[in-house]
Protein backbone atom coordinates (compact mmCIF):
# COMPACT_ATOMS: atom_id res chain seq x y z
CA MET A 1 -53.10 -1.74 -22.71
CA THR A 2 -53.17 0.60 -25.71
CA PRO A 3 -56.71 1.98 -26.25
CA ASP A 4 -58.29 0.77 -29.49
CA ALA A 5 -55.30 -1.54 -29.97
CA ASP A 6 -57.00 -3.33 -32.86
CA LEU A 7 -57.86 -0.11 -34.73
CA PRO A 8 -55.89 -0.13 -38.01
CA ILE A 9 -53.90 3.03 -38.61
CA ILE A 10 -52.56 4.49 -41.81
CA ASP A 11 -50.12 7.08 -40.54
CA ALA A 12 -50.78 9.80 -43.09
CA HIS A 13 -47.63 11.84 -42.49
CA GLN A 14 -44.21 10.51 -41.52
CA HIS A 15 -40.58 10.80 -42.61
CA PHE A 16 -37.40 8.77 -42.98
CA TRP A 17 -33.81 9.87 -43.48
CA ASP A 18 -30.37 8.29 -43.65
CA LEU A 19 -27.84 10.94 -42.76
CA GLU A 20 -24.87 8.67 -43.44
CA HIS A 21 -25.71 8.34 -47.11
CA ASN A 22 -28.11 11.11 -48.14
CA ARG A 23 -28.15 14.90 -48.10
CA HIS A 24 -30.62 16.81 -45.91
CA PRO A 25 -29.23 20.33 -45.46
CA TRP A 26 -31.48 21.26 -42.52
CA LEU A 27 -30.38 18.15 -40.61
CA GLN A 28 -26.68 18.30 -41.44
CA ASP A 29 -25.58 21.90 -41.97
CA GLN A 30 -24.57 24.46 -39.38
CA PRO A 31 -25.99 26.62 -38.01
CA PRO A 32 -29.41 24.99 -37.58
CA VAL A 33 -32.32 26.72 -39.30
CA PRO A 34 -35.11 28.41 -37.30
CA PHE A 35 -37.59 25.69 -36.38
CA ARG A 36 -41.13 25.90 -35.03
CA TYR A 37 -40.41 23.48 -32.19
CA GLY A 38 -37.15 25.19 -31.24
CA ASP A 39 -34.05 23.05 -30.71
CA TYR A 40 -34.17 20.05 -33.04
CA THR A 41 -30.76 18.57 -32.33
CA ALA A 42 -32.41 15.27 -31.43
CA LEU A 43 -33.54 14.86 -35.06
CA ARG A 44 -29.97 14.95 -36.39
CA ARG A 45 -29.68 11.16 -36.60
CA SER A 46 -30.80 8.62 -39.16
CA TYR A 47 -34.40 7.49 -38.86
CA LEU A 48 -35.42 4.37 -40.78
CA PRO A 49 -38.33 1.89 -40.91
CA ALA A 50 -37.05 -0.17 -37.98
CA ASP A 51 -36.94 2.99 -35.84
CA PHE A 52 -40.46 3.93 -36.86
CA ARG A 53 -41.87 0.47 -36.11
CA ARG A 54 -40.21 0.56 -32.70
CA ASP A 55 -41.77 3.94 -31.97
CA CYS A 56 -45.24 2.77 -33.02
CA GLY A 57 -45.19 0.26 -30.17
CA ALA A 58 -48.53 -1.46 -29.63
CA HIS A 59 -50.43 0.74 -32.08
CA ARG A 60 -51.54 -1.18 -35.15
CA VAL A 61 -49.94 0.95 -37.83
CA VAL A 62 -50.58 -1.05 -40.99
CA LYS A 63 -49.42 1.40 -43.65
CA THR A 64 -47.87 4.86 -43.93
CA VAL A 65 -47.57 7.91 -46.14
CA TYR A 66 -44.05 9.29 -46.56
CA VAL A 67 -43.85 13.06 -46.98
CA GLU A 68 -40.77 14.70 -48.48
CA ALA A 69 -38.23 15.60 -45.82
CA GLU A 70 -36.34 18.55 -47.35
CA TRP A 71 -33.80 16.35 -49.10
CA ASP A 72 -31.19 18.16 -51.18
CA PRO A 73 -33.33 20.41 -53.42
CA GLN A 74 -30.91 19.87 -56.31
CA ASP A 75 -31.91 16.20 -56.44
CA PRO A 76 -35.65 15.81 -55.75
CA ILE A 77 -35.86 12.60 -57.78
CA GLY A 78 -33.10 11.03 -55.70
CA GLU A 79 -35.31 11.16 -52.62
CA THR A 80 -38.20 9.43 -54.35
CA ARG A 81 -35.91 6.75 -55.75
CA TRP A 82 -34.47 6.11 -52.27
CA VAL A 83 -37.88 6.00 -50.55
CA SER A 84 -39.26 3.68 -53.21
CA ALA A 85 -36.38 1.29 -52.50
CA LEU A 86 -37.20 1.49 -48.76
CA ALA A 87 -40.79 0.55 -49.55
CA ASP A 88 -39.67 -2.46 -51.59
CA ALA A 89 -37.39 -3.63 -48.79
CA HIS A 90 -39.53 -2.90 -45.72
CA GLY A 91 -43.18 -2.76 -46.80
CA ILE A 92 -43.51 0.90 -45.82
CA PRO A 93 -44.19 3.57 -46.88
CA ASN A 94 -47.20 2.76 -49.04
CA ALA A 95 -47.61 6.17 -50.66
CA ILE A 96 -45.20 9.03 -51.27
CA VAL A 97 -45.59 12.80 -51.29
CA ALA A 98 -42.60 13.89 -53.33
CA GLN A 99 -40.56 17.07 -53.46
CA ALA A 100 -41.10 19.51 -56.33
CA TRP A 101 -40.23 23.18 -56.54
CA LEU A 102 -43.15 24.63 -58.45
CA ASP A 103 -41.54 27.95 -59.34
CA ARG A 104 -38.30 26.50 -60.70
CA ALA A 105 -37.48 26.32 -64.39
CA ASP A 106 -37.39 22.50 -64.22
CA ALA A 107 -40.83 22.16 -62.57
CA ALA A 108 -42.44 20.44 -65.56
CA GLU A 109 -39.57 17.96 -65.90
CA VAL A 110 -39.50 17.17 -62.16
CA LEU A 111 -43.27 16.70 -61.89
CA ALA A 112 -43.30 14.32 -64.84
CA ALA A 113 -40.46 12.30 -63.33
CA GLN A 114 -42.07 12.18 -59.88
CA ALA A 115 -45.42 11.10 -61.29
CA ALA A 116 -43.75 8.12 -62.97
CA PHE A 117 -43.00 6.48 -59.61
CA PRO A 118 -45.80 4.03 -58.70
CA LEU A 119 -46.13 5.21 -55.09
CA VAL A 120 -46.17 8.96 -55.72
CA ARG A 121 -49.57 10.53 -55.09
CA GLY A 122 -48.76 14.21 -54.69
CA VAL A 123 -46.04 16.76 -54.12
CA ARG A 124 -45.13 19.29 -51.49
CA HIS A 125 -43.41 22.63 -51.97
CA LYS A 126 -43.83 24.90 -48.97
CA PRO A 127 -44.83 28.25 -50.46
CA ARG A 128 -43.22 31.42 -49.16
CA ALA A 129 -44.84 32.46 -45.91
CA ALA A 130 -44.97 35.66 -43.90
CA ALA A 131 -44.00 35.66 -40.23
CA SER A 132 -47.36 37.03 -39.10
CA PRO A 133 -50.80 37.90 -40.48
CA ALA A 134 -49.82 41.57 -40.68
CA ALA A 135 -46.78 40.78 -42.82
CA VAL A 136 -48.64 39.01 -45.65
CA VAL A 137 -47.81 40.47 -49.06
CA PRO A 138 -50.29 39.28 -51.74
CA GLY A 139 -48.54 37.84 -54.76
CA ALA A 140 -45.10 37.82 -53.15
CA GLN A 141 -42.44 35.89 -55.05
CA GLY A 142 -42.65 32.21 -54.15
CA SER A 143 -46.07 32.53 -52.54
CA MET A 144 -49.31 30.88 -53.65
CA GLY A 145 -50.24 34.14 -55.34
CA ASP A 146 -47.07 34.31 -57.43
CA ALA A 147 -47.79 33.79 -61.14
CA ARG A 148 -44.67 31.67 -61.66
CA TRP A 149 -45.51 29.45 -58.66
CA ARG A 150 -49.09 29.03 -59.90
CA ALA A 151 -47.87 28.08 -63.37
CA GLY A 152 -46.06 25.14 -61.81
CA TYR A 153 -49.10 24.29 -59.72
CA ALA A 154 -51.24 24.20 -62.86
CA LEU A 155 -49.20 21.20 -64.09
CA LEU A 156 -50.31 18.93 -61.22
CA GLU A 157 -53.66 18.01 -62.75
CA ARG A 158 -52.19 16.56 -65.96
CA HIS A 159 -50.11 14.15 -63.87
CA GLY A 160 -52.92 13.15 -61.51
CA LEU A 161 -51.05 14.60 -58.54
CA HIS A 162 -52.49 16.42 -55.55
CA PHE A 163 -50.83 19.18 -53.54
CA GLU A 164 -49.74 18.99 -49.91
CA LEU A 165 -49.87 22.45 -48.37
CA GLN A 166 -47.86 23.39 -45.31
CA THR A 167 -48.41 27.04 -44.46
CA PRO A 168 -49.46 29.18 -41.49
CA TRP A 169 -53.21 29.75 -41.29
CA TRP A 170 -52.90 33.40 -42.31
CA HIS A 171 -52.08 32.26 -45.85
CA LEU A 172 -55.21 30.15 -46.23
CA ALA A 173 -57.01 32.94 -48.09
CA GLU A 174 -54.48 32.40 -50.89
CA ALA A 175 -55.13 28.66 -50.66
CA VAL A 176 -58.85 29.31 -51.10
CA ASP A 177 -58.09 31.18 -54.32
CA LEU A 178 -55.88 28.30 -55.44
CA ALA A 179 -58.59 25.74 -54.72
CA HIS A 180 -61.18 27.75 -56.63
CA ASP A 181 -58.93 28.38 -59.62
CA PHE A 182 -57.85 24.72 -59.89
CA PRO A 183 -60.96 22.81 -58.79
CA ARG A 184 -59.75 19.40 -60.02
CA THR A 185 -56.58 19.47 -57.92
CA LEU A 186 -56.94 18.28 -54.33
CA ILE A 187 -55.19 20.29 -51.59
CA VAL A 188 -54.28 18.39 -48.42
CA LEU A 189 -53.51 20.83 -45.64
CA ASN A 190 -50.63 19.67 -43.45
CA HIS A 191 -50.38 19.97 -39.68
CA SER A 192 -53.80 21.35 -38.88
CA GLY A 193 -53.11 24.77 -40.40
CA LEU A 194 -50.34 25.39 -37.82
CA PRO A 195 -52.34 26.81 -34.89
CA ALA A 196 -49.21 27.69 -32.89
CA ASP A 197 -50.69 30.83 -31.32
CA ARG A 198 -53.14 29.50 -28.75
CA SER A 199 -54.21 32.95 -27.52
CA ARG A 200 -57.88 33.83 -27.91
CA ALA A 201 -57.10 36.12 -30.85
CA GLY A 202 -54.77 33.56 -32.43
CA LEU A 203 -57.34 30.77 -32.25
CA ALA A 204 -60.07 33.06 -33.57
CA GLY A 205 -57.95 33.93 -36.60
CA TRP A 206 -57.04 30.29 -37.18
CA GLY A 207 -60.66 29.17 -36.84
CA ALA A 208 -61.96 31.74 -39.31
CA ALA A 209 -59.26 30.87 -41.84
CA MET A 210 -59.99 27.16 -41.49
CA GLN A 211 -63.72 27.76 -41.96
CA ALA A 212 -63.09 29.64 -45.21
CA PHE A 213 -60.71 26.96 -46.46
CA ALA A 214 -63.15 24.18 -45.57
CA GLY A 215 -65.71 25.87 -47.81
CA CYS A 216 -63.74 24.60 -50.81
CA ALA A 217 -64.87 21.21 -52.09
CA ASN A 218 -61.40 20.02 -53.12
CA VAL A 219 -59.59 20.14 -49.78
CA ALA A 220 -58.75 17.82 -46.88
CA VAL A 221 -56.72 18.22 -43.70
CA LYS A 222 -54.22 16.21 -41.70
CA ILE A 223 -54.65 16.46 -37.95
CA SER A 224 -51.00 16.43 -36.95
CA GLY A 225 -48.15 18.69 -35.96
CA LEU A 226 -49.95 20.08 -32.91
CA GLY A 227 -46.90 20.37 -30.68
CA LEU A 228 -46.02 23.60 -28.91
CA PRO A 229 -42.38 24.64 -28.41
CA GLY A 230 -41.02 23.86 -24.98
CA ARG A 231 -44.18 22.08 -23.91
CA ALA A 232 -45.12 18.41 -23.78
CA TRP A 233 -48.02 17.23 -25.99
CA ARG A 234 -51.20 17.20 -23.89
CA ILE A 235 -54.78 16.19 -24.59
CA GLU A 236 -55.96 19.27 -22.71
CA ASP A 237 -54.13 21.56 -25.13
CA ASN A 238 -55.05 19.76 -28.33
CA ALA A 239 -58.54 18.28 -27.88
CA PRO A 240 -60.31 21.59 -28.66
CA ILE A 241 -58.23 21.99 -31.83
CA VAL A 242 -58.94 18.44 -33.00
CA ARG A 243 -62.66 18.71 -32.33
CA GLU A 244 -62.93 22.06 -34.11
CA ILE A 245 -61.14 20.71 -37.18
CA ILE A 246 -63.47 17.71 -37.39
CA ALA A 247 -66.53 19.91 -36.90
CA THR A 248 -65.30 22.32 -39.58
CA PHE A 249 -64.23 19.85 -42.28
CA GLY A 250 -66.39 16.83 -41.45
CA VAL A 251 -65.05 13.40 -40.58
CA GLU A 252 -64.69 12.41 -44.24
CA ARG A 253 -62.03 15.08 -44.95
CA CYS A 254 -59.82 14.57 -41.88
CA MET A 255 -56.91 12.19 -41.22
CA PHE A 256 -54.78 11.61 -38.15
CA ALA A 257 -51.01 11.53 -38.60
CA SER A 258 -47.95 11.42 -36.36
CA ASN A 259 -45.45 13.65 -38.18
CA TYR A 260 -42.83 11.29 -36.81
CA PRO A 261 -40.00 11.56 -36.04
CA VAL A 262 -40.37 15.36 -36.02
CA ASP A 263 -43.11 15.36 -33.39
CA GLY A 264 -40.91 13.12 -31.28
CA LEU A 265 -39.54 16.47 -30.11
CA VAL A 266 -42.78 17.04 -28.19
CA ALA A 267 -44.04 13.53 -27.34
CA PRO A 268 -43.56 9.78 -27.75
CA TYR A 269 -45.55 8.21 -30.57
CA ASP A 270 -47.81 6.52 -28.04
CA THR A 271 -48.71 9.82 -26.37
CA ILE A 272 -49.81 11.34 -29.67
CA MET A 273 -51.78 8.39 -31.01
CA THR A 274 -53.33 7.50 -27.65
CA GLY A 275 -54.24 11.16 -27.29
CA PHE A 276 -55.96 11.24 -30.68
CA LYS A 277 -57.82 8.04 -29.84
CA ALA A 278 -59.00 9.47 -26.52
CA ILE A 279 -60.20 12.71 -28.12
CA VAL A 280 -62.51 10.83 -30.53
CA ALA A 281 -63.39 7.92 -28.24
CA ASP A 282 -67.02 9.01 -28.11
CA ARG A 283 -67.46 8.78 -31.89
CA PRO A 284 -68.93 5.75 -33.69
CA ASP A 285 -66.58 2.96 -34.74
CA ALA A 286 -66.97 3.80 -38.44
CA GLU A 287 -65.96 7.42 -37.88
CA ARG A 288 -62.91 6.47 -35.84
CA ARG A 289 -61.83 4.01 -38.51
CA ALA A 290 -62.30 6.71 -41.16
CA LEU A 291 -60.15 9.20 -39.23
CA PHE A 292 -57.33 6.75 -38.55
CA HIS A 293 -57.42 4.59 -41.68
CA ASP A 294 -60.12 4.75 -44.33
CA ASN A 295 -59.82 8.41 -45.35
CA ALA A 296 -56.07 8.09 -45.85
CA ALA A 297 -56.58 4.88 -47.83
CA ARG A 298 -59.00 6.70 -50.14
CA ILE A 299 -57.06 9.97 -50.52
CA TYR A 300 -53.69 8.28 -51.05
CA ARG A 301 -55.13 5.39 -53.06
CA ILE A 302 -53.68 2.75 -50.75
CA ALA A 303 -55.11 -0.73 -51.29
């Protein structure tokens, strides 16, 4: 029997795509792009609500948050229109994080159009990232320190949108500056700050960066994306990461999410969600409900 089978879940980070009808360059073009989990051939197939519900199995996933899936960047509104139609037809997703390129000339137009969709709560544009901590160049074009990128970011507040940040932990110092300079814009950190380097030095750097980021009042974090390339998802690998995130940010600023179908490359849905449930099994019922459901409902304004 699935542990905590009655626990309602809002999956705070998942994706859909229809490769027969829509354009996703990273899933359709050759050669494949470099990917943090390695070979992602298995993702090069359509993935729709029926597939997601099948993967959820016995877990009581009641609602979901769709996060942009690198749809054709020339048509960011097309993705939101398509996902909104999915929601009407299938009852999920229940909130959308849309695509917007903050340093493009059409950023203001795109943000206004995205904000007009009833389910849109925020946007994601992965800022330029260095390959290692030593390679960080402050203010690099396309980074969170780039004046043009920040000018686009400054428009989020007027539309009531938050920002979803996916970046390696060594860029979180720039995210701290962003949070301080735009205190009324929420930043939701994706995929646990990407702690891919599990060496002692790697985890120390990640932990220090997460502590500094957590010091900002206007941030939250999604506990997701914890897979390691070439290795199955294991509680033993990920429990220390999960517990440190919760201790650092507090229960009220953390959400569990599957990152499905992407994290299907490292584990079945059941392995990930049962693993998360096991890691926090010793916490009070109210805290577990907050981590799996209530915090996402509040942050994404899901009734």
